[in-house]
């Protein structure tokens, strides 16, 4: 492993000043569950490591009438344990709780899971369903990014060099809703997903709205837009779902890798989408006592 200089700023302003002063060869460290591994494997060889864990303004998590605000330094465990997340964003709690063991969850951050931009990022599908917004801050100032256009490819995203993912904003749906995240791995826990599926169902004045997103089945996490359009404003039945499910395959492009074959992933896209949608639908009916 290449030697590097370690820096621990106490504010975002100080971190950005270090980045500008030191020039190229800098790398931000947040939770470290991904970056440290990549450094050890010589996939990243920074000259300077800027540790963001000591910055208080990145540690905030709170909810307002508009939605949920999660700082860039908030850990996965803190997200899953936050009362309002379990109450109002159950799919996000399930996604954050599904990542690794306890040791990973108390170190890894939600922002880091997104910034790694791997196709299998567990929190990405549910945040796509909630249409989260990201606040980035860099040497040129702050800018807001929509998660729907954030991912560009495997380990590629819209962050500019030197930018810090400062905050994740998850809008609070204004209508009765339910959400879920489920995944299939080679074992029951502590594993990367072979396929991950998230669903959000909203009961709007115009009818039911469905959002579905999948991970580990394309170069980036993806929304199943064609399926959503077909189901829009309809009452979900098993027969309707049978008609709609093949549309999922038009929005995914899985590959063969060490965890699963392309064909198996395609089949599991159908299985997990069915489970996610129907479970979310039933949860919505139970929580609102709807009669359809």
Protein backbone atom coordinates (compact mmCIF):
# COMPACT_ATOMS: atom_id res chain seq x y z
CA UNK A 1 0.00 0.00 0.00
CA UNK A 2 1.32 3.40 -0.98
CA UNK A 3 2.11 5.86 1.83
CA UNK A 4 -0.19 8.87 2.11
CA UNK A 5 -0.70 11.88 4.36
CA UNK A 6 -3.73 11.80 6.64
CA UNK A 7 -5.82 14.93 7.27
CA UNK A 8 -8.79 15.34 9.63
CA UNK A 9 -10.62 18.64 9.05
CA UNK A 10 -13.30 19.83 11.48
CA UNK A 11 -15.55 21.54 8.91
CA UNK A 12 -16.59 21.23 5.29
CA UNK A 13 -14.92 24.57 4.59
CA UNK A 14 -11.62 23.25 5.95
CA UNK A 15 -11.96 20.00 3.97
CA UNK A 16 -12.53 21.88 0.71
CA UNK A 17 -9.62 24.20 1.44
CA UNK A 18 -7.36 21.18 1.92
CA UNK A 19 -8.55 19.72 -1.39
CA UNK A 20 -7.73 22.94 -3.24
CA UNK A 21 -4.41 23.45 -1.46
CA UNK A 22 -3.12 19.90 -1.95
CA UNK A 23 -4.15 19.58 -5.57
CA UNK A 24 -4.39 16.18 -7.25
CA UNK A 25 -4.02 12.91 -5.44
CA UNK A 26 -6.60 13.64 -2.72
CA UNK A 27 -9.27 11.20 -1.64
CA UNK A 28 -12.11 11.74 0.82
CA UNK A 29 -12.66 9.20 3.59
CA UNK A 30 -16.14 8.98 5.11
CA UNK A 31 -17.14 5.63 6.63
CA UNK A 32 -14.19 3.92 4.99
CA UNK A 33 -15.86 0.57 4.39
CA UNK A 34 -15.30 0.88 0.65
CA UNK A 35 -12.40 3.33 0.33
CA UNK A 36 -10.07 1.55 2.77
CA UNK A 37 -10.58 -1.76 0.97
CA UNK A 38 -9.83 -0.15 -2.38
CA UNK A 39 -6.66 1.44 -0.99
CA UNK A 40 -5.46 -1.89 0.41
CA UNK A 41 -6.13 -3.56 -2.93
CA UNK A 42 -4.25 -0.73 -4.70
CA UNK A 43 -7.32 0.26 -6.69
CA UNK A 44 -6.94 3.73 -5.16
CA UNK A 45 -3.50 5.20 -4.37
CA UNK A 46 -4.01 8.66 -2.89
CA UNK A 47 -1.25 11.01 -1.82
CA UNK A 48 -3.59 12.62 0.72
CA UNK A 49 -6.53 11.12 2.61
CA UNK A 50 -9.02 13.69 3.91
CA UNK A 51 -11.12 12.19 6.71
CA UNK A 52 -14.63 13.66 6.91
CA UNK A 53 -15.76 11.77 10.03
CA UNK A 54 -14.91 14.62 12.39
CA UNK A 55 -17.22 17.17 10.73
CA UNK A 56 -20.29 17.81 12.93
CA UNK A 57 -22.41 19.36 10.16
CA UNK A 58 -22.35 16.04 8.28
CA UNK A 59 -23.76 14.12 11.27
CA UNK A 60 -27.28 15.59 11.30
CA UNK A 61 -30.44 13.61 10.64
CA UNK A 62 -33.87 15.16 11.11
CA UNK A 63 -37.36 15.29 9.64
CA UNK A 64 -39.56 18.26 8.75
CA UNK A 65 -42.95 18.53 7.05
CA UNK A 66 -41.10 18.54 3.71
CA UNK A 67 -39.22 15.31 4.32
CA UNK A 68 -36.17 13.61 5.76
CA UNK A 69 -32.70 15.21 5.81
CA UNK A 70 -29.69 12.91 6.22
CA UNK A 71 -26.19 14.33 6.55
CA UNK A 72 -23.32 12.90 4.54
CA UNK A 73 -21.68 11.46 7.67
CA UNK A 74 -24.75 9.68 9.09
CA UNK A 75 -24.13 5.96 9.35
CA UNK A 76 -26.36 3.21 8.02
CA UNK A 77 -27.09 2.14 11.59
CA UNK A 78 -28.16 5.66 12.52
CA UNK A 79 -30.47 5.82 9.49
CA UNK A 80 -32.09 2.46 10.30
CA UNK A 81 -32.45 3.36 13.99
CA UNK A 82 -33.97 6.80 13.43
CA UNK A 83 -37.61 6.55 14.58
CA UNK A 84 -39.07 8.61 11.75
CA UNK A 85 -37.34 6.45 9.13
CA UNK A 86 -39.05 3.30 10.39
CA UNK A 87 -42.37 5.11 10.68
CA UNK A 88 -42.46 7.05 7.40
CA UNK A 89 -39.83 5.40 5.15
CA UNK A 90 -39.92 1.66 5.94
CA UNK A 91 -38.25 0.68 2.68
CA UNK A 92 -35.26 2.87 3.52
CA UNK A 93 -34.95 1.25 6.95
CA UNK A 94 -34.99 -2.19 5.33
CA UNK A 95 -32.35 -1.18 2.77
CA UNK A 96 -30.00 0.37 5.35
CA UNK A 97 -30.42 -2.63 7.65
CA UNK A 98 -29.59 -5.09 4.87
CA UNK A 99 -26.03 -3.89 4.25
CA UNK A 100 -23.32 -6.03 5.78
CA UNK A 101 -22.84 -6.91 9.42
CA UNK A 102 -23.09 -4.66 12.47
CA UNK A 103 -19.47 -3.58 12.05
CA UNK A 104 -20.22 -2.28 8.55
CA UNK A 105 -23.45 -0.56 9.53
CA UNK A 106 -21.88 1.44 12.37
CA UNK A 107 -19.08 2.69 10.07
CA UNK A 108 -20.54 2.87 6.59
CA UNK A 109 -22.67 5.87 5.64
CA UNK A 110 -25.72 6.31 3.46
CA UNK A 111 -23.86 8.96 1.46
CA UNK A 112 -20.96 6.59 0.95
CA UNK A 113 -23.24 3.83 -0.30
CA UNK A 114 -24.57 6.22 -2.94
CA UNK A 115 -21.23 7.85 -3.79
CA UNK A 116 -19.62 4.47 -4.43
CA UNK A 117 -22.14 4.20 -7.29
CA UNK A 118 -21.86 0.45 -7.65
CA UNK A 119 -24.83 -1.15 -9.45
CA UNK A 120 -25.59 -3.26 -6.36
CA UNK A 121 -25.83 -0.36 -3.86
CA UNK A 122 -28.66 -1.43 -1.56
CA UNK A 123 -29.99 2.02 -0.69
CA UNK A 124 -30.13 3.29 -4.27
CA UNK A 125 -33.33 1.53 -5.45
CA UNK A 126 -35.51 2.73 -2.58
CA UNK A 127 -34.14 6.28 -2.82
CA UNK A 128 -34.91 6.21 -6.54
CA UNK A 129 -38.49 5.31 -5.65
CA UNK A 130 -38.67 8.22 -3.20
CA UNK A 131 -37.00 10.47 -5.81
CA UNK A 132 -34.45 11.74 -3.32
CA UNK A 133 -32.33 14.84 -3.91
CA UNK A 134 -28.65 15.15 -3.10
CA UNK A 135 -26.83 18.26 -1.93
CA UNK A 136 -23.20 18.43 -3.06
CA UNK A 137 -20.72 21.04 -1.90
CA UNK A 138 -17.42 21.69 -3.61
CA UNK A 139 -14.89 24.43 -4.26
CA UNK A 140 -17.39 26.16 -6.57
CA UNK A 141 -20.21 26.10 -4.01
CA UNK A 142 -23.34 24.03 -3.44
CA UNK A 143 -25.58 22.39 -6.01
CA UNK A 144 -28.56 20.06 -5.89
CA UNK A 145 -28.65 16.80 -7.80
CA UNK A 146 -31.59 14.55 -8.55
CA UNK A 147 -30.89 10.94 -7.72
CA UNK A 148 -32.71 9.93 -10.89
CA UNK A 149 -29.79 11.35 -12.92
CA UNK A 150 -27.00 10.92 -10.35
CA UNK A 151 -25.69 7.51 -11.44
CA UNK A 152 -23.72 7.47 -14.70
CA UNK A 153 -22.28 3.93 -14.73
CA UNK A 154 -20.40 1.47 -12.51
CA UNK A 155 -18.56 3.68 -9.96
CA UNK A 156 -19.46 6.77 -11.98
CA UNK A 157 -21.74 9.59 -10.83
CA UNK A 158 -22.43 13.30 -11.20
CA UNK A 159 -20.12 14.52 -8.42
CA UNK A 160 -17.38 16.84 -9.63
CA UNK A 161 -13.77 16.49 -8.38
CA UNK A 162 -13.52 17.81 -4.84
CA UNK A 163 -17.26 17.77 -4.17
CA UNK A 164 -18.58 16.33 -0.92
CA UNK A 165 -21.98 14.67 -0.75
CA UNK A 166 -23.23 16.90 2.05
CA UNK A 167 -26.83 15.83 2.48
CA UNK A 168 -29.53 13.50 1.20
CA UNK A 169 -33.10 14.81 1.16
CA UNK A 170 -35.93 12.27 0.94
CA UNK A 171 -39.28 13.96 0.19
CA UNK A 172 -42.18 12.89 2.36
CA UNK A 173 -45.02 11.65 0.14
CA UNK A 174 -48.12 13.79 0.55
CA UNK A 175 -50.48 10.85 0.06
CA UNK A 176 -50.96 7.56 1.93
CA UNK A 177 -48.18 5.24 0.88
CA UNK A 178 -46.17 2.13 1.67
CA UNK A 179 -42.68 1.04 0.63
CA UNK A 180 -40.40 -1.97 0.80
CA UNK A 181 -36.89 -3.13 -0.12
CA UNK A 182 -36.04 -6.79 -0.61
CA UNK A 183 -32.98 -8.47 -2.02
CA UNK A 184 -31.72 -11.85 -3.08
CA UNK A 185 -28.19 -12.85 -2.12
CA UNK A 186 -26.22 -16.06 -2.11
CA UNK A 187 -26.93 -16.27 1.60
CA UNK A 188 -29.61 -14.86 3.86
CA UNK A 189 -27.56 -11.95 5.24
CA UNK A 190 -24.30 -10.01 4.99
CA UNK A 191 -24.09 -10.40 1.22
CA UNK A 192 -24.23 -8.17 -1.83
CA UNK A 193 -27.49 -8.51 -3.73
CA UNK A 194 -27.79 -10.69 -6.79
CA UNK A 195 -30.91 -8.64 -7.40
CA UNK A 196 -32.38 -5.90 -5.21
CA UNK A 197 -35.92 -4.58 -5.62
CA UNK A 198 -37.69 -1.60 -4.09
CA UNK A 199 -41.30 -0.55 -4.43
CA UNK A 200 -43.35 2.46 -3.37
CA UNK A 201 -47.14 2.60 -3.80
CA UNK A 202 -49.07 5.85 -3.29
CA UNK A 203 -52.83 6.35 -3.01
CA UNK A 204 -53.32 9.63 -4.89
CA UNK A 205 -56.59 11.41 -5.78
CA UNK A 206 -56.12 10.27 -9.39
CA UNK A 207 -55.56 6.65 -8.46
CA UNK A 208 -52.72 4.46 -7.33
CA UNK A 209 -49.18 5.39 -8.35
CA UNK A 210 -46.47 2.73 -8.46
CA UNK A 211 -42.72 3.17 -8.37
CA UNK A 212 -40.31 0.27 -8.76
CA UNK A 213 -36.51 0.30 -8.87
CA UNK A 214 -33.96 -2.48 -9.16
CA UNK A 215 -30.29 -2.89 -8.33
CA UNK A 216 -27.51 -5.19 -9.59
CA UNK A 217 -29.29 -5.73 -12.93
CA UNK A 218 -27.87 -2.90 -15.06
CA UNK A 219 -24.80 -0.62 -15.14
CA UNK A 220 -26.67 1.61 -12.68
CA UNK A 221 -29.65 1.13 -10.35
CA UNK A 222 -32.75 1.65 -12.51
CA UNK A 223 -36.43 2.54 -12.30
CA UNK A 224 -38.85 0.17 -14.04
CA UNK A 225 -40.54 2.99 -15.93
CA UNK A 226 -42.50 0.88 -18.43
CA UNK A 227 -43.98 -1.23 -15.65
CA UNK A 228 -44.88 1.91 -13.69
CA UNK A 229 -46.64 3.47 -16.68
CA UNK A 230 -48.66 0.31 -17.32
CA UNK A 231 -49.84 0.06 -13.71
CA UNK A 232 -50.47 3.77 -13.18
CA UNK A 233 -53.87 4.54 -11.58
CA UNK A 234 -54.96 0.89 -11.70
CA UNK A 235 -55.97 -1.35 -8.82
CA UNK A 236 -53.32 -4.02 -8.38
CA UNK A 237 -54.48 -7.59 -8.86
CA UNK A 238 -52.53 -10.77 -9.43
CA UNK A 239 -53.88 -10.94 -12.97
CA UNK A 240 -52.82 -7.36 -13.70
CA UNK A 241 -49.38 -8.02 -12.25
CA UNK A 242 -48.98 -11.07 -14.47
CA UNK A 243 -49.60 -8.84 -17.49
CA UNK A 244 -47.25 -6.10 -16.29
CA UNK A 245 -44.23 -8.06 -15.09
CA UNK A 246 -42.61 -8.75 -18.50
CA UNK A 247 -42.23 -4.97 -18.92
CA UNK A 248 -39.61 -4.99 -16.15
CA UNK A 249 -37.22 -6.77 -18.47
CA UNK A 250 -37.27 -3.84 -20.90
CA UNK A 251 -35.51 -1.60 -18.34
CA UNK A 252 -32.77 -3.95 -17.12
CA UNK A 253 -29.57 -5.29 -18.66
CA UNK A 254 -27.95 -7.78 -16.27
CA UNK A 255 -24.62 -9.47 -16.86
CA UNK A 256 -22.95 -12.74 -15.94
CA UNK A 257 -20.60 -12.45 -12.96
CA UNK A 258 -19.31 -14.50 -10.03
CA UNK A 259 -22.59 -14.13 -8.13
CA UNK A 260 -25.11 -15.13 -10.80
CA UNK A 261 -25.78 -15.58 -14.49
CA UNK A 262 -27.64 -13.09 -16.66
CA UNK A 263 -30.51 -15.53 -17.17
CA UNK A 264 -30.93 -16.13 -13.46
CA UNK A 265 -30.96 -12.41 -12.74
CA UNK A 266 -33.64 -11.83 -15.39
CA UNK A 267 -35.84 -14.46 -13.77
CA UNK A 268 -35.23 -13.03 -10.31
CA UNK A 269 -36.15 -9.54 -11.53
CA UNK A 270 -39.63 -10.91 -12.16
CA UNK A 271 -39.80 -12.80 -8.87
CA UNK A 272 -38.59 -9.94 -6.65
CA UNK A 273 -40.64 -7.29 -8.44
CA UNK A 274 -43.77 -9.38 -7.91
CA UNK A 275 -42.98 -9.86 -4.22
CA UNK A 276 -42.07 -6.23 -3.66
CA UNK A 277 -45.12 -4.80 -5.39
CA UNK A 278 -47.65 -7.14 -3.88
CA UNK A 279 -46.23 -6.85 -0.38
CA UNK A 280 -46.23 -3.05 -0.64
CA UNK A 281 -49.77 -3.06 -1.97
CA UNK A 282 -50.98 -5.23 0.91
CA UNK A 283 -49.14 -3.06 3.45
CA UNK A 284 -50.83 0.05 2.03
CA UNK A 285 -54.27 -1.55 2.28
CA UNK A 286 -53.63 -2.63 5.86
CA UNK A 287 -52.21 0.72 6.99
CA UNK A 288 -55.02 2.79 5.50
CA UNK A 289 -57.90 0.29 5.76
CA UNK A 290 -58.63 0.87 2.10
CA UNK A 291 -61.35 -1.16 0.43
CA UNK A 292 -60.81 -1.83 -3.28
